[in-house]
Structure formats: C-alpha cells, structure tokens
N, C-alpha and C. Protein backbone atom coordinates (compact mmCIF):
# COMPACT_ATOMS: atom_id res chain seq x y z
N MET A 1 -13.77 -0.92 -0.31
CA MET A 1 -12.53 -0.34 -0.02
C MET A 1 -12.80 1.23 -0.06
N THR A 2 -11.68 1.65 0.82
CA THR A 2 -11.30 3.14 0.74
C THR A 2 -10.87 3.65 -0.54
N GLU A 3 -10.83 4.94 -0.34
CA GLU A 3 -10.15 5.99 -1.65
C GLU A 3 -8.67 5.62 -1.56
N TRP A 4 -8.00 5.52 -2.62
CA TRP A 4 -6.24 5.59 -2.88
C TRP A 4 -5.86 6.61 -2.08
N HIS A 5 -4.89 6.47 -1.18
CA HIS A 5 -4.15 7.79 -0.66
C HIS A 5 -2.34 7.04 -0.64
N LYS A 6 -1.62 8.00 -0.74
CA LYS A 6 -0.17 7.93 -0.58
C LYS A 6 0.27 7.40 0.80
N SER A 7 1.12 6.53 0.83
CA SER A 7 1.84 6.08 1.87
C SER A 7 2.46 7.15 2.60
N SER A 8 2.57 7.20 3.85
CA SER A 8 3.36 7.99 4.97
C SER A 8 4.58 7.93 4.69
N TYR A 9 5.02 6.87 4.12
CA TYR A 9 6.52 6.26 4.08
C TYR A 9 7.12 7.01 2.72
N SER A 10 6.18 7.74 2.00
CA SER A 10 6.63 7.98 0.65
C SER A 10 6.87 9.68 0.72
N ALA A 11 7.32 10.17 1.78
CA ALA A 11 7.31 11.55 2.08
C ALA A 11 7.94 12.52 0.90
N ASN A 12 9.07 11.93 0.17
CA ASN A 12 9.95 12.67 -0.73
C ASN A 12 9.09 13.12 -2.31
N GLY A 13 8.13 12.49 -2.25
CA GLY A 13 7.13 12.77 -3.58
C GLY A 13 7.53 12.03 -4.65
N ASN A 14 8.73 11.49 -4.81
CA ASN A 14 8.88 10.45 -5.89
C ASN A 14 8.74 9.02 -5.63
N ASN A 15 9.39 8.18 -5.94
CA ASN A 15 8.91 6.75 -5.62
C ASN A 15 7.76 6.35 -4.67
N CYS A 16 6.69 6.88 -4.92
CA CYS A 16 5.61 6.45 -3.93
C CYS A 16 4.72 5.37 -4.40
N VAL A 17 4.16 5.03 -3.36
CA VAL A 17 3.06 3.90 -3.47
C VAL A 17 1.79 4.44 -2.94
N GLU A 18 0.73 4.01 -3.39
CA GLU A 18 -0.73 4.22 -2.76
C GLU A 18 -1.38 3.03 -2.50
N ALA A 19 -2.11 3.47 -1.48
CA ALA A 19 -2.98 2.10 -0.77
C ALA A 19 -4.37 2.25 -0.75
N ARG A 20 -5.23 1.42 -0.49
CA ARG A 20 -6.43 1.74 -0.17
C ARG A 20 -6.89 0.46 0.64
N GLU A 21 -7.45 0.70 1.79
CA GLU A 21 -7.53 -0.44 2.91
C GLU A 21 -9.35 -0.88 2.73
N GLY A 22 -9.53 -2.14 2.90
CA GLY A 22 -11.00 -2.28 3.30
C GLY A 22 -10.98 -3.39 4.14
N VAL A 23 -12.27 -3.71 4.37
CA VAL A 23 -12.61 -4.94 5.56
C VAL A 23 -11.64 -6.19 5.24
N HIS A 24 -11.83 -6.52 4.07
CA HIS A 24 -11.00 -7.83 3.84
C HIS A 24 -9.30 -7.72 3.29
N GLY A 25 -8.79 -6.74 3.45
CA GLY A 25 -7.45 -6.38 3.28
C GLY A 25 -7.14 -5.13 2.38
N ALA A 26 -6.15 -5.15 1.77
CA ALA A 26 -5.65 -3.79 0.90
C ALA A 26 -5.18 -4.08 -0.34
N ASP A 27 -5.08 -2.83 -1.18
CA ASP A 27 -4.65 -2.89 -2.42
C ASP A 27 -3.49 -2.00 -2.32
N VAL A 28 -2.25 -2.19 -3.16
CA VAL A 28 -1.20 -1.15 -3.24
C VAL A 28 -0.89 -1.07 -4.66
N ARG A 29 -0.44 0.20 -5.31
CA ARG A 29 -0.07 0.29 -6.65
C ARG A 29 1.01 1.38 -6.50
N ASP A 30 1.68 1.57 -7.69
CA ASP A 30 2.87 2.35 -7.84
C ASP A 30 2.15 3.74 -8.46
N THR A 31 2.32 4.78 -7.55
CA THR A 31 1.70 6.01 -8.09
C THR A 31 2.12 6.71 -9.29
N GLN A 32 3.27 6.36 -9.78
CA GLN A 32 3.71 6.85 -11.23
C GLN A 32 3.54 6.06 -12.25
N ASN A 33 2.87 4.77 -11.86
CA ASN A 33 2.72 3.62 -13.07
C ASN A 33 1.19 3.14 -12.59
N ARG A 34 0.19 3.66 -12.58
CA ARG A 34 -1.01 3.27 -12.02
C ARG A 34 -1.65 2.12 -13.03
N GLU A 35 -1.38 2.47 -14.14
CA GLU A 35 -2.27 1.61 -15.32
C GLU A 35 -1.38 0.36 -15.40
N ALA A 36 -0.19 -0.19 -14.39
CA ALA A 36 0.42 -1.33 -14.46
C ALA A 36 -0.55 -2.14 -13.47
N GLY A 37 -1.73 -1.75 -12.93
CA GLY A 37 -2.47 -2.34 -11.84
C GLY A 37 -2.04 -2.27 -10.24
N HIS A 38 -2.43 -3.10 -9.70
CA HIS A 38 -2.15 -3.26 -8.21
C HIS A 38 -1.98 -4.75 -7.88
N LEU A 39 -1.20 -4.45 -6.63
CA LEU A 39 -1.13 -5.78 -5.56
C LEU A 39 -2.15 -6.05 -4.57
N ALA A 40 -2.69 -6.85 -4.62
CA ALA A 40 -3.92 -7.16 -3.53
C ALA A 40 -3.26 -8.28 -2.49
N PHE A 41 -3.66 -7.68 -1.25
CA PHE A 41 -3.29 -8.34 0.06
C PHE A 41 -4.61 -8.68 0.80
N ASP A 42 -4.62 -10.03 1.44
CA ASP A 42 -5.64 -10.26 2.12
C ASP A 42 -5.31 -9.66 3.50
N ARG A 43 -6.53 -9.58 4.81
CA ARG A 43 -6.23 -8.91 5.79
C ARG A 43 -4.96 -9.54 6.61
N VAL A 44 -4.64 -10.72 6.34
CA VAL A 44 -3.43 -11.35 7.11
C VAL A 44 -2.06 -10.73 6.75
N GLU A 45 -2.21 -10.79 5.30
CA GLU A 45 -0.82 -10.39 4.52
C GLU A 45 -0.62 -9.23 4.71
N TRP A 46 -1.53 -8.17 4.66
CA TRP A 46 -1.63 -6.75 4.95
C TRP A 46 -0.95 -6.49 6.42
N SER A 47 -1.47 -7.25 7.34
CA SER A 47 -1.02 -6.83 8.73
C SER A 47 0.50 -7.23 8.88
N ALA A 48 0.89 -8.19 8.10
CA ALA A 48 2.11 -8.89 8.22
C ALA A 48 3.08 -7.82 7.74
N LEU A 49 2.71 -7.26 6.72
CA LEU A 49 3.51 -6.46 5.42
C LEU A 49 3.69 -5.25 6.35
N LEU A 50 2.59 -4.53 7.04
CA LEU A 50 2.53 -3.36 7.97
C LEU A 50 3.55 -3.60 9.30
N ALA A 51 3.57 -4.58 9.70
CA ALA A 51 4.52 -4.92 10.85
C ALA A 51 5.71 -5.10 10.39
N GLY A 52 6.13 -5.66 9.19
CA GLY A 52 7.55 -5.80 8.80
C GLY A 52 8.07 -4.39 8.60
N VAL A 53 7.42 -3.59 7.78
CA VAL A 53 7.63 -2.04 7.40
C VAL A 53 7.93 -1.34 8.77
N ARG A 54 7.15 -1.45 9.69
CA ARG A 54 7.34 -0.92 11.04
C ARG A 54 8.59 -1.33 11.75
N ALA A 55 8.91 -2.44 11.45
CA ALA A 55 10.19 -3.10 12.16
C ALA A 55 11.28 -3.00 11.54
N GLY A 56 11.16 -2.36 10.21
CA GLY A 56 12.36 -1.86 9.46
C GLY A 56 12.77 -3.13 8.68
N ARG A 57 12.29 -4.05 8.42
CA ARG A 57 12.48 -5.27 7.41
C ARG A 57 12.35 -5.08 5.91
C-alpha cells in the first residue's frame, strides 16, 4: 500500500477523507477520526467507487 493522502475532493480542509491505494485495492479513513479505523475496498469496488464519484453519484 502507498502512504495515506487526502482526497482531492476534500479541498476545504474540514470533512476530509484519506486514502491509500495498492495493487489489490484501497483503504479509506476519516482524517479527523483516524482511530476509528478504515474501510477496505478491493480493486473492483475501488474502481466502481471512483467512477461513481466522478459521475457525481
């Protein structure tokens, strides 16, 4: 997995999420609540999530 980075959709600095991508998928966590853990997506799920966000869904 790569290092955690803020989403480019979190431009205002508040309600941010962080992601880290790898060969098998990605993890996502709340920047302000990191101790709560993260959501893990496999490669197909992560691609579908990104496509949905880009399409405005």
